[in-house]
Amino acid sequence: MDTSTLSRQQVIEVIDTLPDDAFSELISFIGYLRYKSVEQKPEEPKPNFLLSIAGIGSSIEKDVSDRDEEILASEINSISGWSIRI
């Protein structure tokens, strides 16, 4: 039997010739084929929750290694504490 040219009707006829005890295996296989045929999108990496609430990586400052004290001094008010720049 050339399976590449079977029509739906021919597949139904072949299924009708199967013994009754083969139906549970056929149903499992059909379920697998349906699962496999659904387009599986790769999951996008989720942002790290802790980094997102800490705001790490969202600074507008590019190179802070040499200017860390200057940046901290401009963002911290000595009386009221941290200030938020908007």
PDB file of N, CA and C in Angstrom:
ATOM      1  N   MET A   1       0.845  -1.167   0.000  1.00  0.00           N
ATOM      2  CA  MET A   1       0.000   0.000   0.000  1.00  0.00           C
ATOM      3  C   MET A   1       0.896   1.237   0.000  1.00  0.00           C
ATOM      4  N   ASP A   2       0.698   2.146  -0.961  1.00  0.00           N
ATOM      5  CA  ASP A   2       1.452   3.383  -1.050  1.00  0.00           C
ATOM      6  C   ASP A   2       0.766   4.413  -0.168  1.00  0.00           C
ATOM      7  N   THR A   3       1.354   4.692   0.998  1.00  0.00           N
ATOM      8  CA  THR A   3       0.709   5.574   1.977  1.00  0.00           C
ATOM      9  C   THR A   3       0.793   7.048   1.611  1.00  0.00           C
ATOM     10  N   SER A   4       1.623   7.423   0.638  1.00  0.00           N
ATOM     11  CA  SER A   4       1.747   8.832   0.289  1.00  0.00           C
ATOM     12  C   SER A   4       0.571   9.340  -0.539  1.00  0.00           C
ATOM     13  N   THR A   5      -0.232   8.433  -1.112  1.00  0.00           N
ATOM     14  CA  THR A   5      -1.349   8.858  -1.958  1.00  0.00           C
ATOM     15  C   THR A   5      -2.710   8.468  -1.389  1.00  0.00           C
ATOM     16  N   LEU A   6      -2.763   8.106  -0.110  1.00  0.00           N
ATOM     17  CA  LEU A   6      -4.035   7.733   0.504  1.00  0.00           C
ATOM     18  C   LEU A   6      -4.916   8.965   0.692  1.00  0.00           C
ATOM     19  N   SER A   7      -6.173   8.823   0.366  1.00  0.00           N
ATOM     20  CA  SER A   7      -7.128   9.900   0.622  1.00  0.00           C
ATOM     21  C   SER A   7      -7.737   9.686   2.003  1.00  0.00           C
ATOM     22  N   ARG A   8      -8.463  10.674   2.480  1.00  0.00           N
ATOM     23  CA  ARG A   8      -9.128  10.544   3.781  1.00  0.00           C
ATOM     24  C   ARG A   8     -10.076   9.347   3.787  1.00  0.00           C
ATOM     25  N   GLN A   9     -10.793   9.168   2.702  1.00  0.00           N
ATOM     26  CA  GLN A   9     -11.743   8.058   2.621  1.00  0.00           C
ATOM     27  C   GLN A   9     -11.016   6.721   2.703  1.00  0.00           C
ATOM     28  N   GLN A  10      -9.863   6.623   2.052  1.00  0.00           N
ATOM     29  CA  GLN A  10      -9.095   5.380   2.112  1.00  0.00           C
ATOM     30  C   GLN A  10      -8.574   5.129   3.523  1.00  0.00           C
ATOM     31  N   VAL A  11      -8.183   6.199   4.218  1.00  0.00           N
ATOM     32  CA  VAL A  11      -7.722   6.047   5.596  1.00  0.00           C
ATOM     33  C   VAL A  11      -8.863   5.540   6.473  1.00  0.00           C
ATOM     34  N   ILE A  12     -10.052   6.088   6.268  1.00  0.00           N
ATOM     35  CA  ILE A  12     -11.223   5.636   7.023  1.00  0.00           C
ATOM     36  C   ILE A  12     -11.502   4.161   6.756  1.00  0.00           C
ATOM     37  N   GLU A  13     -11.375   3.765   5.508  1.00  0.00           N
ATOM     38  CA  GLU A  13     -11.594   2.358   5.162  1.00  0.00           C
ATOM     39  C   GLU A  13     -10.556   1.457   5.823  1.00  0.00           C
ATOM     40  N   VAL A  14      -9.307   1.911   5.876  1.00  0.00           N
ATOM     41  CA  VAL A  14      -8.257   1.124   6.539  1.00  0.00           C
ATOM     42  C   VAL A  14      -8.548   1.020   8.032  1.00  0.00           C
ATOM     43  N   ILE A  15      -9.002   2.125   8.638  1.00  0.00           N
ATOM     44  CA  ILE A  15      -9.339   2.109  10.067  1.00  0.00           C
ATOM     45  C   ILE A  15     -10.485   1.133  10.326  1.00  0.00           C
ATOM     46  N   ASP A  16     -11.456   1.081   9.414  1.00  0.00           N
ATOM     47  CA  ASP A  16     -12.585   0.163   9.582  1.00  0.00           C
ATOM     48  C   ASP A  16     -12.153  -1.298   9.580  1.00  0.00           C
ATOM     49  N   THR A  17     -11.004  -1.605   8.968  1.00  0.00           N
ATOM     50  CA  THR A  17     -10.548  -2.997   8.918  1.00  0.00           C
ATOM     51  C   THR A  17      -9.723  -3.388  10.140  1.00  0.00           C
ATOM     52  N   LEU A  18      -9.408  -2.420  11.003  1.00  0.00           N
ATOM     53  CA  LEU A  18      -8.610  -2.731  12.194  1.00  0.00           C
ATOM     54  C   LEU A  18      -9.442  -3.515  13.204  1.00  0.00           C
ATOM     55  N   PRO A  19      -8.787  -4.394  13.945  1.00  0.00           N
ATOM     56  CA  PRO A  19      -9.509  -5.088  15.016  1.00  0.00           C
ATOM     57  C   PRO A  19      -9.853  -4.117  16.137  1.00  0.00           C
ATOM     58  N   ASP A  20     -10.905  -4.438  16.888  1.00  0.00           N
ATOM     59  CA  ASP A  20     -11.387  -3.545  17.942  1.00  0.00           C
ATOM     60  C   ASP A  20     -10.337  -3.237  19.001  1.00  0.00           C
ATOM     61  N   ASP A  21      -9.460  -4.195  19.300  1.00  0.00           N
ATOM     62  CA  ASP A  21      -8.469  -3.951  20.344  1.00  0.00           C
ATOM     63  C   ASP A  21      -7.352  -3.004  19.901  1.00  0.00           C
ATOM     64  N   ALA A  22      -7.304  -2.621  18.638  1.00  0.00           N
ATOM     65  CA  ALA A  22      -6.290  -1.685  18.152  1.00  0.00           C
ATOM     66  C   ALA A  22      -6.746  -0.225  18.260  1.00  0.00           C
ATOM     67  N   PHE A  23      -8.021   0.000  18.591  1.00  0.00           N
ATOM     68  CA  PHE A  23      -8.545   1.360  18.620  1.00  0.00           C
ATOM     69  C   PHE A  23      -7.913   2.229  19.710  1.00  0.00           C
ATOM     70  N   SER A  24      -7.644   1.666  20.873  1.00  0.00           N
ATOM     71  CA  SER A  24      -7.045   2.493  21.934  1.00  0.00           C
ATOM     72  C   SER A  24      -5.649   2.956  21.518  1.00  0.00           C
ATOM     73  N   GLU A  25      -4.890   2.078  20.871  1.00  0.00           N
ATOM     74  CA  GLU A  25      -3.564   2.466  20.385  1.00  0.00           C
ATOM     75  C   GLU A  25      -3.676   3.490  19.265  1.00  0.00           C
ATOM     76  N   LEU A  26      -4.660   3.325  18.386  1.00  0.00           N
ATOM     77  CA  LEU A  26      -4.880   4.268  17.293  1.00  0.00           C
ATOM     78  C   LEU A  26      -5.245   5.651  17.837  1.00  0.00           C
ATOM     79  N   ILE A  27      -6.108   5.688  18.838  1.00  0.00           N
ATOM     80  CA  ILE A  27      -6.519   6.965  19.432  1.00  0.00           C
ATOM     81  C   ILE A  27      -5.320   7.651  20.082  1.00  0.00           C
ATOM     82  N   SER A  28      -4.473   6.894  20.763  1.00  0.00           N
ATOM     83  CA  SER A  28      -3.267   7.475  21.360  1.00  0.00           C
ATOM     84  C   SER A  28      -2.352   8.046  20.287  1.00  0.00           C
ATOM     85  N   PHE A  29      -2.189   7.309  19.197  1.00  0.00           N
ATOM     86  CA  PHE A  29      -1.323   7.765  18.114  1.00  0.00           C
ATOM     87  C   PHE A  29      -1.890   9.010  17.441  1.00  0.00           C
ATOM     88  N   ILE A  30      -3.189   9.058  17.247  1.00  0.00           N
ATOM     89  CA  ILE A  30      -3.824  10.236  16.657  1.00  0.00           C
ATOM     90  C   ILE A  30      -3.639  11.452  17.574  1.00  0.00           C
ATOM     91  N   GLY A  31      -3.769  11.240  18.871  1.00  0.00           N
ATOM     92  CA  GLY A  31      -3.521  12.328  19.822  1.00  0.00           C
ATOM     93  C   GLY A  31      -2.096  12.841  19.720  1.00  0.00           C
ATOM     94  N   TYR A  32      -1.140  11.921  19.583  1.00  0.00           N
ATOM     95  CA  TYR A  32       0.256  12.319  19.420  1.00  0.00           C
ATOM     96  C   TYR A  32       0.440  13.114  18.128  1.00  0.00           C
ATOM     97  N   LEU A  33      -0.156  12.656  17.039  1.00  0.00           N
ATOM     98  CA  LEU A  33      -0.032  13.381  15.766  1.00  0.00           C
ATOM     99  C   LEU A  33      -0.644  14.776  15.847  1.00  0.00           C
ATOM    100  N   ARG A  34      -1.777  14.892  16.524  1.00  0.00           N
ATOM    101  CA  ARG A  34      -2.398  16.213  16.689  1.00  0.00           C
ATOM    102  C   ARG A  34      -1.495  17.128  17.507  1.00  0.00           C
ATOM    103  N   TYR A  35      -0.916  16.597  18.573  1.00  0.00           N
ATOM    104  CA  TYR A  35       0.001  17.386  19.400  1.00  0.00           C
ATOM    105  C   TYR A  35       1.212  17.832  18.588  1.00  0.00           C
ATOM    106  N   LYS A  36       1.764  16.900  17.819  1.00  0.00           N
ATOM    107  CA  LYS A  36       2.961  17.183  17.037  1.00  0.00           C
ATOM    108  C   LYS A  36       2.686  18.191  15.921  1.00  0.00           C
ATOM    109  N   SER A  37       1.480  18.192  15.377  1.00  0.00           N
ATOM    110  CA  SER A  37       1.169  19.065  14.257  1.00  0.00           C
ATOM    111  C   SER A  37       0.877  20.498  14.683  1.00  0.00           C
ATOM    112  N   VAL A  38       0.574  20.700  15.961  1.00  0.00           N
ATOM    113  CA  VAL A  38       0.335  22.060  16.454  1.00  0.00           C
ATOM    114  C   VAL A  38       1.686  22.763  16.501  1.00  0.00           C
ATOM    115  N   GLU A  39       1.720  23.969  15.958  1.00  0.00           N
ATOM    116  CA  GLU A  39       2.976  24.706  15.909  1.00  0.00           C
ATOM    117  C   GLU A  39       3.415  25.054  17.315  1.00  0.00           C
ATOM    118  N   GLN A  40       4.567  24.560  17.692  1.00  0.00           N
ATOM    119  CA  GLN A  40       5.113  24.823  19.011  1.00  0.00           C
ATOM    120  C   GLN A  40       6.030  26.032  18.916  1.00  0.00           C
ATOM    121  N   LYS A  41       5.659  27.130  19.559  1.00  0.00           N
ATOM    122  CA  LYS A  41       6.487  28.326  19.566  1.00  0.00           C
ATOM    123  C   LYS A  41       7.490  28.197  20.712  1.00  0.00           C
ATOM    124  N   PRO A  42       8.738  28.482  20.420  1.00  0.00           N
ATOM    125  CA  PRO A  42       9.695  28.449  21.522  1.00  0.00           C
ATOM    126  C   PRO A  42       9.372  29.567  22.504  1.00  0.00           C
ATOM    127  N   GLU A  43       9.472  29.249  23.756  1.00  0.00           N
ATOM    128  CA  GLU A  43       9.150  30.239  24.782  1.00  0.00           C
ATOM    129  C   GLU A  43      10.205  31.325  24.805  1.00  0.00           C
ATOM    130  N   GLU A  44       9.735  32.559  24.864  1.00  0.00           N
ATOM    131  CA  GLU A  44      10.662  33.669  25.004  1.00  0.00           C
ATOM    132  C   GLU A  44      11.170  33.672  26.430  1.00  0.00           C
ATOM    133  N   PRO A  45      12.445  33.994  26.592  1.00  0.00           N
ATOM    134  CA  PRO A  45      12.956  34.013  27.968  1.00  0.00           C
ATOM    135  C   PRO A  45      12.218  35.061  28.788  1.00  0.00           C
ATOM    136  N   LYS A  46      11.776  34.655  29.942  1.00  0.00           N
ATOM    137  CA  LYS A  46      11.043  35.563  30.822  1.00  0.00           C
ATOM    138  C   LYS A  46      12.042  36.442  31.560  1.00  0.00           C
ATOM    139  N   PRO A  47      11.703  37.716  31.731  1.00  0.00           N
ATOM    140  CA  PRO A  47      12.620  38.568  32.480  1.00  0.00           C
ATOM    141  C   PRO A  47      12.706  38.115  33.932  1.00  0.00           C
ATOM    142  N   ASN A  48      13.875  38.235  34.482  1.00  0.00           N
ATOM    143  CA  ASN A  48      14.075  37.848  35.868  1.00  0.00           C
ATOM    144  C   ASN A  48      13.283  38.795  36.764  1.00  0.00           C
ATOM    145  N   PHE A  49      12.380  38.251  37.552  1.00  0.00           N
ATOM    146  CA  PHE A  49      11.497  39.060  38.383  1.00  0.00           C
ATOM    147  C   PHE A  49      12.277  39.962  39.339  1.00  0.00           C
ATOM    148  N   LEU A  50      13.275  39.409  40.015  1.00  0.00           N
ATOM    149  CA  LEU A  50      14.019  40.198  40.990  1.00  0.00           C
ATOM    150  C   LEU A  50      14.775  41.336  40.325  1.00  0.00           C
ATOM    151  N   LEU A  51      15.372  41.062  39.142  1.00  0.00           N
ATOM    152  CA  LEU A  51      16.076  42.133  38.438  1.00  0.00           C
ATOM    153  C   LEU A  51      15.116  43.211  37.968  1.00  0.00           C
ATOM    154  N   SER A  52      13.920  42.809  37.560  1.00  0.00           N
ATOM    155  CA  SER A  52      12.971  43.804  37.064  1.00  0.00           C
ATOM    156  C   SER A  52      12.455  44.704  38.182  1.00  0.00           C
ATOM    157  N   ILE A  53      12.229  44.162  39.381  1.00  0.00           N
ATOM    158  CA  ILE A  53      11.745  45.030  40.458  1.00  0.00           C
ATOM    159  C   ILE A  53      12.866  45.880  41.032  1.00  0.00           C
ATOM    160  N   ALA A  54      14.101  45.418  40.887  1.00  0.00           N
ATOM    161  CA  ALA A  54      15.227  46.207  41.378  1.00  0.00           C
ATOM    162  C   ALA A  54      15.620  47.286  40.382  1.00  0.00           C
ATOM    163  N   GLY A  55      15.164  47.158  39.148  1.00  0.00           N
ATOM    164  CA  GLY A  55      15.487  48.152  38.129  1.00  0.00           C
ATOM    165  C   GLY A  55      16.880  47.989  37.567  1.00  0.00           C
ATOM    166  N   ILE A  56      17.508  46.857  37.806  1.00  0.00           N
ATOM    167  CA  ILE A  56      18.860  46.636  37.302  1.00  0.00           C
ATOM    168  C   ILE A  56      18.803  46.493  35.785  1.00  0.00           C
ATOM    169  N   GLY A  57      19.685  47.168  35.130  1.00  0.00           N
ATOM    170  CA  GLY A  57      19.746  47.101  33.678  1.00  0.00           C
ATOM    171  C   GLY A  57      18.907  48.152  33.003  1.00  0.00           C
ATOM    172  N   SER A  58      18.168  48.949  33.774  1.00  0.00           N
ATOM    173  CA  SER A  58      17.316  49.953  33.158  1.00  0.00           C
ATOM    174  C   SER A  58      17.851  51.366  33.373  1.00  0.00           C
ATOM    175  N   SER A  59      19.078  51.476  33.808  1.00  0.00           N
ATOM    176  CA  SER A  59      19.661  52.788  34.056  1.00  0.00           C
ATOM    177  C   SER A  59      19.983  53.481  32.741  1.00  0.00           C
ATOM    178  N   ILE A  60      19.827  54.797  32.734  1.00  0.00           N
ATOM    179  CA  ILE A  60      20.188  55.562  31.543  1.00  0.00           C
ATOM    180  C   ILE A  60      21.685  55.828  31.508  1.00  0.00           C
ATOM    181  N   GLU A  61      22.347  55.577  32.623  1.00  0.00           N
ATOM    182  CA  GLU A  61      23.798  55.757  32.694  1.00  0.00           C
ATOM    183  C   GLU A  61      24.473  54.580  31.993  1.00  0.00           C
ATOM    184  N   LYS A  62      25.447  54.865  31.138  1.00  0.00           N
ATOM    185  CA  LYS A  62      26.114  53.805  30.376  1.00  0.00           C
ATOM    186  C   LYS A  62      27.348  53.270  31.100  1.00  0.00           C
ATOM    187  N   ASP A  63      28.262  54.153  31.496  1.00  0.00           N
ATOM    188  CA  ASP A  63      29.494  53.701  32.140  1.00  0.00           C
ATOM    189  C   ASP A  63      29.554  54.308  33.526  1.00  0.00           C
ATOM    190  N   VAL A  64      29.248  53.540  34.522  1.00  0.00           N
ATOM    191  CA  VAL A  64      29.179  54.070  35.883  1.00  0.00           C
ATOM    192  C   VAL A  64      30.398  53.709  36.715  1.00  0.00           C
ATOM    193  N   SER A  65      31.276  52.917  36.199  1.00  0.00           N
ATOM    194  CA  SER A  65      32.386  52.437  37.021  1.00  0.00           C
ATOM    195  C   SER A  65      33.305  53.552  37.491  1.00  0.00           C
ATOM    196  N   ASP A  66      33.541  54.573  36.666  1.00  0.00           N
ATOM    197  CA  ASP A  66      34.445  55.648  37.065  1.00  0.00           C
ATOM    198  C   ASP A  66      33.724  56.788  37.764  1.00  0.00           C
ATOM    199  N   ARG A  67      32.412  56.851  37.639  1.00  0.00           N
ATOM    200  CA  ARG A  67      31.667  57.986  38.167  1.00  0.00           C
ATOM    201  C   ARG A  67      30.667  57.575  39.235  1.00  0.00           C
ATOM    202  N   ASP A  68      30.856  56.466  39.890  1.00  0.00           N
ATOM    203  CA  ASP A  68      29.855  55.950  40.819  1.00  0.00           C
ATOM    204  C   ASP A  68      29.555  56.913  41.970  1.00  0.00           C
ATOM    205  N   GLU A  69      30.582  57.524  42.540  1.00  0.00           N
ATOM    206  CA  GLU A  69      30.343  58.443  43.651  1.00  0.00           C
ATOM    207  C   GLU A  69      29.610  59.693  43.181  1.00  0.00           C
ATOM    208  N   GLU A  70      29.970  60.183  42.004  1.00  0.00           N
ATOM    209  CA  GLU A  70      29.286  61.355  41.444  1.00  0.00           C
ATOM    210  C   GLU A  70      27.814  61.060  41.183  1.00  0.00           C
ATOM    211  N   ILE A  71      27.537  59.898  40.635  1.00  0.00           N
ATOM    212  CA  ILE A  71      26.151  59.517  40.338  1.00  0.00           C
ATOM    213  C   ILE A  71      25.359  59.363  41.632  1.00  0.00           C
ATOM    214  N   LEU A  72      25.931  58.697  42.632  1.00  0.00           N
ATOM    215  CA  LEU A  72      25.237  58.521  43.906  1.00  0.00           C
ATOM    216  C   LEU A  72      24.975  59.862  44.580  1.00  0.00           C
ATOM    217  N   ALA A  73      25.939  60.763  44.515  1.00  0.00           N
ATOM    218  CA  ALA A  73      25.759  62.069  45.137  1.00  0.00           C
ATOM    219  C   ALA A  73      24.630  62.846  44.477  1.00  0.00           C
ATOM    220  N   SER A  74      24.447  62.682  43.180  1.00  0.00           N
ATOM    221  CA  SER A  74      23.378  63.411  42.497  1.00  0.00           C
ATOM    222  C   SER A  74      22.007  62.777  42.720  1.00  0.00           C
ATOM    223  N   GLU A  75      21.975  61.521  43.131  1.00  0.00           N
ATOM    224  CA  GLU A  75      20.700  60.834  43.303  1.00  0.00           C
ATOM    225  C   GLU A  75      20.267  60.708  44.757  1.00  0.00           C
ATOM    226  N   ILE A  76      21.149  60.961  45.683  1.00  0.00           N
ATOM    227  CA  ILE A  76      20.807  60.831  47.097  1.00  0.00           C
ATOM    228  C   ILE A  76      20.795  62.217  47.727  1.00  0.00           C
ATOM    229  N   ASN A  77      19.683  62.544  48.319  1.00  0.00           N
ATOM    230  CA  ASN A  77      19.554  63.790  49.061  1.00  0.00           C
ATOM    231  C   ASN A  77      19.987  63.497  50.489  1.00  0.00           C
ATOM    232  N   SER A  78      20.921  64.257  50.989  1.00  0.00           N
ATOM    233  CA  SER A  78      21.470  63.957  52.313  1.00  0.00           C
ATOM    234  C   SER A  78      20.439  64.077  53.431  1.00  0.00           C
ATOM    235  N   ILE A  79      19.367  64.811  53.187  1.00  0.00           N
ATOM    236  CA  ILE A  79      18.343  64.972  54.217  1.00  0.00           C
ATOM    237  C   ILE A  79      17.206  63.960  54.049  1.00  0.00           C
ATOM    238  N   SER A  80      16.671  63.866  52.820  1.00  0.00           N
ATOM    239  CA  SER A  80      15.482  63.011  52.633  1.00  0.00           C
ATOM    240  C   SER A  80      15.798  61.638  52.054  1.00  0.00           C
ATOM    241  N   GLY A  81      17.021  61.387  51.669  1.00  0.00           N
ATOM    242  CA  GLY A  81      17.361  60.067  51.137  1.00  0.00           C
ATOM    243  C   GLY A  81      17.357  60.046  49.621  1.00  0.00           C
ATOM    244  N   TRP A  82      16.914  58.922  49.064  1.00  0.00           N
ATOM    245  CA  TRP A  82      16.932  58.754  47.607  1.00  0.00           C
ATOM    246  C   TRP A  82      15.947  59.710  46.938  1.00  0.00           C
ATOM    247  N   SER A  83      16.341  60.182  45.787  1.00  0.00           N
ATOM    248  CA  SER A  83      15.416  60.990  44.977  1.00  0.00           C
ATOM    249  C   SER A  83      15.169  60.236  43.685  1.00  0.00           C
ATOM    250  N   ILE A  84      13.993  60.428  43.126  1.00  0.00           N
ATOM    251  CA  ILE A  84      13.624  59.740  41.895  1.00  0.00           C
ATOM    252  C   ILE A  84      13.674  60.746  40.753  1.00  0.00           C
ATOM    253  N   ARG A  85      14.469  60.409  39.736  1.00  0.00           N
ATOM    254  CA  ARG A  85      14.514  61.262  38.543  1.00  0.00           C
ATOM    255  C   ARG A  85      13.522  60.741  37.526  1.00  0.00           C
ATOM    256  N   ILE A  86      12.687  61.617  37.056  1.00  0.00           N
ATOM    257  CA  ILE A  86      11.707  61.212  36.049  1.00  0.00           C
ATOM    258  C   ILE A  86      11.932  61.996  34.796  1.00  0.00           C
TER     259      ILE A  86
END
